[in-house]
Amino acid sequence: MPISSVIIRTDGRRTQEIAEYLKTLKEATVSEIHNENIILVAETVSRTQDKTLWEDIEKIPGVLQCDLIYHNFEDAEGLPYE
């Protein structure tokens, strides 16, 4: 199970709106909101789902940048990408 943590930088006007949306995602936990930054932790079932989640987050209107700060996938070794 890949576990990742990212800092999501927003345009500042939509930070709360984006955070509320992210809270609805079953694989995501919003850890902290500070100014235009949202710290998010995700637990996904596969590397493909992990990658798809971050790509989808980057497409949210108002998201400027998504930086990976931690990634653990050691127990995902041997898991299929799908």
PDB file of N, CA and C in Angstrom:
ATOM      1  N   MET A   1       0.845  -1.177   0.000  1.00  0.00           N
ATOM      2  CA  MET A   1       0.000   0.000   0.000  1.00  0.00           C
ATOM      3  C   MET A   1       0.889   1.239   0.000  1.00  0.00           C
ATOM      4  N   PRO A   2       0.942   1.960  -1.091  1.00  0.00           N
ATOM      5  CA  PRO A   2       1.720   3.203  -1.124  1.00  0.00           C
ATOM      6  C   PRO A   2       1.125   4.252  -0.184  1.00  0.00           C
ATOM      7  N   ILE A   3       2.005   4.907   0.558  1.00  0.00           N
ATOM      8  CA  ILE A   3       1.618   6.008   1.433  1.00  0.00           C
ATOM      9  C   ILE A   3       2.446   7.210   1.012  1.00  0.00           C
ATOM     10  N   SER A   4       1.764   8.302   0.746  1.00  0.00           N
ATOM     11  CA  SER A   4       2.441   9.509   0.271  1.00  0.00           C
ATOM     12  C   SER A   4       1.958  10.724   1.043  1.00  0.00           C
ATOM     13  N   SER A   5       2.811  11.718   1.105  1.00  0.00           N
ATOM     14  CA  SER A   5       2.432  12.996   1.679  1.00  0.00           C
ATOM     15  C   SER A   5       2.886  14.089   0.719  1.00  0.00           C
ATOM     16  N   VAL A   6       2.021  15.043   0.492  1.00  0.00           N
ATOM     17  CA  VAL A   6       2.336  16.136  -0.422  1.00  0.00           C
ATOM     18  C   VAL A   6       1.925  17.480   0.166  1.00  0.00           C
ATOM     19  N   ILE A   7       2.566  18.516  -0.329  1.00  0.00           N
ATOM     20  CA  ILE A   7       2.127  19.876  -0.061  1.00  0.00           C
ATOM     21  C   ILE A   7       1.485  20.376  -1.344  1.00  0.00           C
ATOM     22  N   ILE A   8       0.254  20.794  -1.223  1.00  0.00           N
ATOM     23  CA  ILE A   8      -0.490  21.314  -2.362  1.00  0.00           C
ATOM     24  C   ILE A   8      -0.553  22.826  -2.221  1.00  0.00           C
ATOM     25  N   ARG A   9       0.017  23.526  -3.174  1.00  0.00           N
ATOM     26  CA  ARG A   9      -0.006  24.992  -3.164  1.00  0.00           C
ATOM     27  C   ARG A   9      -1.171  25.450  -4.035  1.00  0.00           C
ATOM     28  N   THR A  10      -2.007  26.312  -3.466  1.00  0.00           N
ATOM     29  CA  THR A  10      -3.174  26.807  -4.188  1.00  0.00           C
ATOM     30  C   THR A  10      -2.990  28.283  -4.529  1.00  0.00           C
ATOM     31  N   ASP A  11      -3.932  28.815  -5.283  1.00  0.00           N
ATOM     32  CA  ASP A  11      -3.865  30.232  -5.637  1.00  0.00           C
ATOM     33  C   ASP A  11      -4.257  31.134  -4.464  1.00  0.00           C
ATOM     34  N   GLY A  12      -4.642  30.541  -3.344  1.00  0.00           N
ATOM     35  CA  GLY A  12      -4.976  31.314  -2.143  1.00  0.00           C
ATOM     36  C   GLY A  12      -6.447  31.648  -2.023  1.00  0.00           C
ATOM     37  N   ARG A  13      -7.122  31.833  -3.132  1.00  0.00           N
ATOM     38  CA  ARG A  13      -8.545  32.181  -3.097  1.00  0.00           C
ATOM     39  C   ARG A  13      -9.417  30.957  -2.891  1.00  0.00           C
ATOM     40  N   ARG A  14      -8.933  29.804  -3.303  1.00  0.00           N
ATOM     41  CA  ARG A  14      -9.752  28.584  -3.257  1.00  0.00           C
ATOM     42  C   ARG A  14      -9.227  27.536  -2.273  1.00  0.00           C
ATOM     43  N   THR A  15      -8.336  27.916  -1.401  1.00  0.00           N
ATOM     44  CA  THR A  15      -7.705  26.940  -0.510  1.00  0.00           C
ATOM     45  C   THR A  15      -8.739  26.141   0.281  1.00  0.00           C
ATOM     46  N   GLN A  16      -9.674  26.823   0.924  1.00  0.00           N
ATOM     47  CA  GLN A  16     -10.685  26.126   1.734  1.00  0.00           C
ATOM     48  C   GLN A  16     -11.550  25.216   0.877  1.00  0.00           C
ATOM     49  N   GLU A  17     -11.963  25.713  -0.267  1.00  0.00           N
ATOM     50  CA  GLU A  17     -12.799  24.941  -1.187  1.00  0.00           C
ATOM     51  C   GLU A  17     -12.066  23.671  -1.646  1.00  0.00           C
ATOM     52  N   ILE A  18     -10.804  23.811  -1.994  1.00  0.00           N
ATOM     53  CA  ILE A  18     -10.009  22.666  -2.433  1.00  0.00           C
ATOM     54  C   ILE A  18      -9.831  21.687  -1.284  1.00  0.00           C
ATOM     55  N   ALA A  19      -9.535  22.184  -0.097  1.00  0.00           N
ATOM     56  CA  ALA A  19      -9.357  21.311   1.071  1.00  0.00           C
ATOM     57  C   ALA A  19     -10.639  20.531   1.372  1.00  0.00           C
ATOM     58  N   GLU A  20     -11.778  21.186   1.273  1.00  0.00           N
ATOM     59  CA  GLU A  20     -13.051  20.502   1.524  1.00  0.00           C
ATOM     60  C   GLU A  20     -13.275  19.392   0.501  1.00  0.00           C
ATOM     61  N   TYR A  21     -12.937  19.653  -0.751  1.00  0.00           N
ATOM     62  CA  TYR A  21     -13.060  18.620  -1.775  1.00  0.00           C
ATOM     63  C   TYR A  21     -12.119  17.451  -1.477  1.00  0.00           C
ATOM     64  N   LEU A  22     -10.871  17.754  -1.139  1.00  0.00           N
ATOM     65  CA  LEU A  22      -9.894  16.698  -0.857  1.00  0.00           C
ATOM     66  C   LEU A  22     -10.328  15.829   0.313  1.00  0.00           C
ATOM     67  N   LYS A  23     -11.025  16.413   1.280  1.00  0.00           N
ATOM     68  CA  LYS A  23     -11.520  15.648   2.444  1.00  0.00           C
ATOM     69  C   LYS A  23     -12.552  14.612   2.036  1.00  0.00           C
ATOM     70  N   THR A  24     -13.159  14.768   0.865  1.00  0.00           N
ATOM     71  CA  THR A  24     -14.170  13.806   0.422  1.00  0.00           C
ATOM     72  C   THR A  24     -13.548  12.571  -0.238  1.00  0.00           C
ATOM     73  N   LEU A  25     -12.260  12.633  -0.547  1.00  0.00           N
ATOM     74  CA  LEU A  25     -11.589  11.514  -1.202  1.00  0.00           C
ATOM     75  C   LEU A  25     -11.252  10.450  -0.159  1.00  0.00           C
ATOM     76  N   LYS A  26     -11.700   9.216  -0.378  1.00  0.00           N
ATOM     77  CA  LYS A  26     -11.535   8.173   0.636  1.00  0.00           C
ATOM     78  C   LYS A  26     -10.079   7.827   0.912  1.00  0.00           C
ATOM     79  N   GLU A  27      -9.191   8.005  -0.073  1.00  0.00           N
ATOM     80  CA  GLU A  27      -7.791   7.649   0.129  1.00  0.00           C
ATOM     81  C   GLU A  27      -6.945   8.814   0.626  1.00  0.00           C
ATOM     82  N   ALA A  28      -7.560   9.970   0.869  1.00  0.00           N
ATOM     83  CA  ALA A  28      -6.816  11.168   1.253  1.00  0.00           C
ATOM     84  C   ALA A  28      -7.236  11.680   2.628  1.00  0.00           C
ATOM     85  N   THR A  29      -6.239  12.204   3.356  1.00  0.00           N
ATOM     86  CA  THR A  29      -6.481  12.852   4.640  1.00  0.00           C
ATOM     87  C   THR A  29      -5.800  14.213   4.607  1.00  0.00           C
ATOM     88  N   VAL A  30      -6.574  15.256   4.822  1.00  0.00           N
ATOM     89  CA  VAL A  30      -6.001  16.597   4.897  1.00  0.00           C
ATOM     90  C   VAL A  30      -5.448  16.760   6.308  1.00  0.00           C
ATOM     91  N   SER A  31      -4.124  16.911   6.409  1.00  0.00           N
ATOM     92  CA  SER A  31      -3.462  17.011   7.712  1.00  0.00           C
ATOM     93  C   SER A  31      -3.455  18.428   8.256  1.00  0.00           C
ATOM     94  N   GLU A  32      -3.240  19.392   7.354  1.00  0.00           N
ATOM     95  CA  GLU A  32      -3.140  20.778   7.791  1.00  0.00           C
ATOM     96  C   GLU A  32      -3.409  21.720   6.625  1.00  0.00           C
ATOM     97  N   ILE A  33      -3.953  22.874   6.958  1.00  0.00           N
ATOM     98  CA  ILE A  33      -4.158  23.945   5.983  1.00  0.00           C
ATOM     99  C   ILE A  33      -3.466  25.171   6.555  1.00  0.00           C
ATOM    100  N   HIS A  34      -2.550  25.743   5.786  1.00  0.00           N
ATOM    101  CA  HIS A  34      -1.824  26.923   6.250  1.00  0.00           C
ATOM    102  C   HIS A  34      -1.690  27.897   5.082  1.00  0.00           C
ATOM    103  N   ASN A  35      -2.361  29.021   5.197  1.00  0.00           N
ATOM    104  CA  ASN A  35      -2.387  30.018   4.130  1.00  0.00           C
ATOM    105  C   ASN A  35      -2.808  29.365   2.819  1.00  0.00           C
ATOM    106  N   GLU A  36      -1.945  29.365   1.815  1.00  0.00           N
ATOM    107  CA  GLU A  36      -2.303  28.782   0.515  1.00  0.00           C
ATOM    108  C   GLU A  36      -1.801  27.345   0.369  1.00  0.00           C
ATOM    109  N   ASN A  37      -1.366  26.727   1.461  1.00  0.00           N
ATOM    110  CA  ASN A  37      -0.823  25.368   1.404  1.00  0.00           C
ATOM    111  C   ASN A  37      -1.715  24.365   2.116  1.00  0.00           C
ATOM    112  N   ILE A  38      -1.853  23.205   1.492  1.00  0.00           N
ATOM    113  CA  ILE A  38      -2.606  22.103   2.086  1.00  0.00           C
ATOM    114  C   ILE A  38      -1.649  20.917   2.175  1.00  0.00           C
ATOM    115  N   ILE A  39      -1.533  20.351   3.371  1.00  0.00           N
ATOM    116  CA  ILE A  39      -0.714  19.150   3.541  1.00  0.00           C
ATOM    117  C   ILE A  39      -1.664  17.965   3.547  1.00  0.00           C
ATOM    118  N   LEU A  40      -1.368  17.011   2.671  1.00  0.00           N
ATOM    119  CA  LEU A  40      -2.259  15.876   2.465  1.00  0.00           C
ATOM    120  C   LEU A  40      -1.467  14.571   2.551  1.00  0.00           C
ATOM    121  N   VAL A  41      -2.074  13.564   3.188  1.00  0.00           N
ATOM    122  CA  VAL A  41      -1.508  12.215   3.242  1.00  0.00           C
ATOM    123  C   VAL A  41      -2.476  11.296   2.516  1.00  0.00           C
ATOM    124  N   ALA A  42      -1.929  10.410   1.693  1.00  0.00           N
ATOM    125  CA  ALA A  42      -2.775   9.485   0.937  1.00  0.00           C
ATOM    126  C   ALA A  42      -2.288   8.052   1.118  1.00  0.00           C
ATOM    127  N   GLU A  43      -3.239   7.141   1.221  1.00  0.00           N
ATOM    128  CA  GLU A  43      -2.965   5.710   1.238  1.00  0.00           C
ATOM    129  C   GLU A  43      -3.765   5.096   0.102  1.00  0.00           C
ATOM    130  N   THR A  44      -3.059   4.557  -0.864  1.00  0.00           N
ATOM    131  CA  THR A  44      -3.718   3.969  -2.031  1.00  0.00           C
ATOM    132  C   THR A  44      -3.411   2.473  -2.080  1.00  0.00           C
ATOM    133  N   VAL A  45      -4.126   1.755  -2.927  1.00  0.00           N
ATOM    134  CA  VAL A  45      -3.946   0.306  -3.008  1.00  0.00           C
ATOM    135  C   VAL A  45      -2.919  -0.117  -4.043  1.00  0.00           C
ATOM    136  N   SER A  46      -2.516   0.813  -4.915  1.00  0.00           N
ATOM    137  CA  SER A  46      -1.538   0.464  -5.942  1.00  0.00           C
ATOM    138  C   SER A  46      -0.752   1.693  -6.349  1.00  0.00           C
ATOM    139  N   ARG A  47       0.363   1.460  -6.987  1.00  0.00           N
ATOM    140  CA  ARG A  47       1.173   2.573  -7.479  1.00  0.00           C
ATOM    141  C   ARG A  47       0.435   3.344  -8.568  1.00  0.00           C
ATOM    142  N   THR A  48      -0.348   2.643  -9.370  1.00  0.00           N
ATOM    143  CA  THR A  48      -1.118   3.311 -10.416  1.00  0.00           C
ATOM    144  C   THR A  48      -2.154   4.238  -9.806  1.00  0.00           C
ATOM    145  N   GLN A  49      -2.863   3.775  -8.775  1.00  0.00           N
ATOM    146  CA  GLN A  49      -3.859   4.621  -8.122  1.00  0.00           C
ATOM    147  C   GLN A  49      -3.184   5.824  -7.478  1.00  0.00           C
ATOM    148  N   ASP A  50      -2.013   5.623  -6.904  1.00  0.00           N
ATOM    149  CA  ASP A  50      -1.261   6.720  -6.293  1.00  0.00           C
ATOM    150  C   ASP A  50      -0.929   7.782  -7.337  1.00  0.00           C
ATOM    151  N   LYS A  51      -0.394   7.353  -8.442  1.00  0.00           N
ATOM    152  CA  LYS A  51      -0.027   8.273  -9.529  1.00  0.00           C
ATOM    153  C   LYS A  51      -1.259   9.000 -10.074  1.00  0.00           C
ATOM    154  N   THR A  52      -2.333   8.275 -10.277  1.00  0.00           N
ATOM    155  CA  THR A  52      -3.570   8.864 -10.786  1.00  0.00           C
ATOM    156  C   THR A  52      -4.118   9.909  -9.823  1.00  0.00           C
ATOM    157  N   LEU A  53      -4.057   9.625  -8.520  1.00  0.00           N
ATOM    158  CA  LEU A  53      -4.552  10.570  -7.518  1.00  0.00           C
ATOM    159  C   LEU A  53      -3.816  11.900  -7.625  1.00  0.00           C
ATOM    160  N   TRP A  54      -2.473  11.860  -7.706  1.00  0.00           N
ATOM    161  CA  TRP A  54      -1.709  13.112  -7.769  1.00  0.00           C
ATOM    162  C   TRP A  54      -1.961  13.845  -9.081  1.00  0.00           C
ATOM    163  N   GLU A  55      -2.095  13.112 -10.165  1.00  0.00           N
ATOM    164  CA  GLU A  55      -2.405  13.759 -11.443  1.00  0.00           C
ATOM    165  C   GLU A  55      -3.765  14.442 -11.393  1.00  0.00           C
ATOM    166  N   ASP A  56      -4.734  13.786 -10.750  1.00  0.00           N
ATOM    167  CA  ASP A  56      -6.070  14.380 -10.613  1.00  0.00           C
ATOM    168  C   ASP A  56      -6.045  15.624  -9.723  1.00  0.00           C
ATOM    169  N   ILE A  57      -5.268  15.581  -8.646  1.00  0.00           N
ATOM    170  CA  ILE A  57      -5.165  16.737  -7.754  1.00  0.00           C
ATOM    171  C   ILE A  57      -4.572  17.922  -8.503  1.00  0.00           C
ATOM    172  N   GLU A  58      -3.564  17.682  -9.316  1.00  0.00           N
ATOM    173  CA  GLU A  58      -2.941  18.769 -10.063  1.00  0.00           C
ATOM    174  C   GLU A  58      -3.893  19.424 -11.059  1.00  0.00           C
ATOM    175  N   LYS A  59      -4.955  18.729 -11.442  1.00  0.00           N
ATOM    176  CA  LYS A  59      -5.928  19.272 -12.406  1.00  0.00           C
ATOM    177  C   LYS A  59      -7.048  20.068 -11.746  1.00  0.00           C
ATOM    178  N   ILE A  60      -7.107  20.076 -10.419  1.00  0.00           N
ATOM    179  CA  ILE A  60      -8.167  20.806  -9.718  1.00  0.00           C
ATOM    180  C   ILE A  60      -7.969  22.306  -9.941  1.00  0.00           C
ATOM    181  N   PRO A  61      -9.018  23.012 -10.371  1.00  0.00           N
ATOM    182  CA  PRO A  61      -8.888  24.462 -10.550  1.00  0.00           C
ATOM    183  C   PRO A  61      -8.443  25.134  -9.251  1.00  0.00           C
ATOM    184  N   GLY A  62      -7.423  25.971  -9.352  1.00  0.00           N
ATOM    185  CA  GLY A  62      -6.899  26.656  -8.174  1.00  0.00           C
ATOM    186  C   GLY A  62      -5.650  26.010  -7.596  1.00  0.00           C
ATOM    187  N   VAL A  63      -5.353  24.772  -7.993  1.00  0.00           N
ATOM    188  CA  VAL A  63      -4.117  24.118  -7.554  1.00  0.00           C
ATOM    189  C   VAL A  63      -2.992  24.576  -8.472  1.00  0.00           C
ATOM    190  N   LEU A  64      -1.953  25.141  -7.872  1.00  0.00           N
ATOM    191  CA  LEU A  64      -0.821  25.642  -8.636  1.00  0.00           C
ATOM    192  C   LEU A  64       0.313  24.624  -8.720  1.00  0.00           C
ATOM    193  N   GLN A  65       0.463  23.855  -7.638  1.00  0.00           N
ATOM    194  CA  GLN A  65       1.611  22.968  -7.558  1.00  0.00           C
ATOM    195  C   GLN A  65       1.327  21.871  -6.542  1.00  0.00           C
ATOM    196  N   CYS A  66       1.892  20.711  -6.786  1.00  0.00           N
ATOM    197  CA  CYS A  66       1.735  19.570  -5.891  1.00  0.00           C
ATOM    198  C   CYS A  66       3.126  18.952  -5.705  1.00  0.00           C
ATOM    199  N   ASP A  67       3.709  19.112  -4.512  1.00  0.00           N
ATOM    200  CA  ASP A  67       5.069  18.642  -4.251  1.00  0.00           C
ATOM    201  C   ASP A  67       5.066  17.447  -3.317  1.00  0.00           C
ATOM    202  N   LEU A  68       5.669  16.366  -3.750  1.00  0.00           N
ATOM    203  CA  LEU A  68       5.809  15.167  -2.943  1.00  0.00           C
ATOM    204  C   LEU A  68       6.840  15.426  -1.849  1.00  0.00           C
ATOM    205  N   ILE A  69       6.463  15.156  -0.579  1.00  0.00           N
ATOM    206  CA  ILE A  69       7.420  15.341   0.506  1.00  0.00           C
ATOM    207  C   ILE A  69       7.776  14.016   1.183  1.00  0.00           C
ATOM    208  N   TYR A  70       6.957  12.988   0.963  1.00  0.00           N
ATOM    209  CA  TYR A  70       7.248  11.672   1.535  1.00  0.00           C
ATOM    210  C   TYR A  70       6.540  10.623   0.709  1.00  0.00           C
ATOM    211  N   HIS A  71       7.217   9.515   0.468  1.00  0.00           N
ATOM    212  CA  HIS A  71       6.581   8.415  -0.262  1.00  0.00           C
ATOM    213  C   HIS A  71       7.146   7.096   0.244  1.00  0.00           C
ATOM    214  N   ASN A  72       6.268   6.201   0.675  1.00  0.00           N
ATOM    215  CA  ASN A  72       6.678   4.882   1.134  1.00  0.00           C
ATOM    216  C   ASN A  72       5.888   3.862   0.343  1.00  0.00           C
ATOM    217  N   PHE A  73       6.595   3.028  -0.380  1.00  0.00           N
ATOM    218  CA  PHE A  73       5.928   1.986  -1.153  1.00  0.00           C
ATOM    219  C   PHE A  73       6.617   0.646  -0.971  1.00  0.00           C
ATOM    220  N   GLU A  74       7.368   0.498   0.128  1.00  0.00           N
ATOM    221  CA  GLU A  74       8.132  -0.733   0.313  1.00  0.00           C
ATOM    222  C   GLU A  74       7.252  -1.973   0.383  1.00  0.00           C
ATOM    223  N   ASP A  75       6.062  -1.866   0.968  1.00  0.00           N
ATOM    224  CA  ASP A  75       5.196  -3.044   1.002  1.00  0.00           C
ATOM    225  C   ASP A  75       4.432  -3.225  -0.299  1.00  0.00           C
ATOM    226  N   ALA A  76       4.668  -2.326  -1.267  1.00  0.00           N
ATOM    227  CA  ALA A  76       4.026  -2.443  -2.583  1.00  0.00           C
ATOM    228  C   ALA A  76       4.896  -3.225  -3.547  1.00  0.00           C
ATOM    229  N   GLU A  77       6.109  -3.599  -3.127  1.00  0.00           N
ATOM    230  CA  GLU A  77       6.972  -4.387  -4.006  1.00  0.00           C
ATOM    231  C   GLU A  77       6.256  -5.658  -4.413  1.00  0.00           C
ATOM    232  N   GLY A  78       6.269  -5.929  -5.677  1.00  0.00           N
ATOM    233  CA  GLY A  78       5.595  -7.117  -6.182  1.00  0.00           C
ATOM    234  C   GLY A  78       4.127  -6.915  -6.484  1.00  0.00           C
ATOM    235  N   LEU A  79       3.566  -5.806  -6.035  1.00  0.00           N
ATOM    236  CA  LEU A  79       2.169  -5.513  -6.362  1.00  0.00           C
ATOM    237  C   LEU A  79       2.094  -5.078  -7.815  1.00  0.00           C
ATOM    238  N   PRO A  80       1.026  -5.428  -8.490  1.00  0.00           N
ATOM    239  CA  PRO A  80       0.876  -4.948  -9.866  1.00  0.00           C
ATOM    240  C   PRO A  80       0.621  -3.456  -9.869  1.00  0.00           C
ATOM    241  N   TYR A  81       0.912  -2.831 -10.994  1.00  0.00           N
ATOM    242  CA  TYR A  81       0.648  -1.395 -11.114  1.00  0.00           C
ATOM    243  C   TYR A  81      -0.843  -1.118 -11.161  1.00  0.00           C
ATOM    244  N   GLU A  82      -1.616  -2.065 -11.567  1.00  0.00           N
ATOM    245  CA  GLU A  82      -3.063  -1.862 -11.685  1.00  0.00           C
ATOM    246  C   GLU A  82      -3.746  -2.054 -10.365  1.00  0.00           C
TER     247      GLU A  82
END
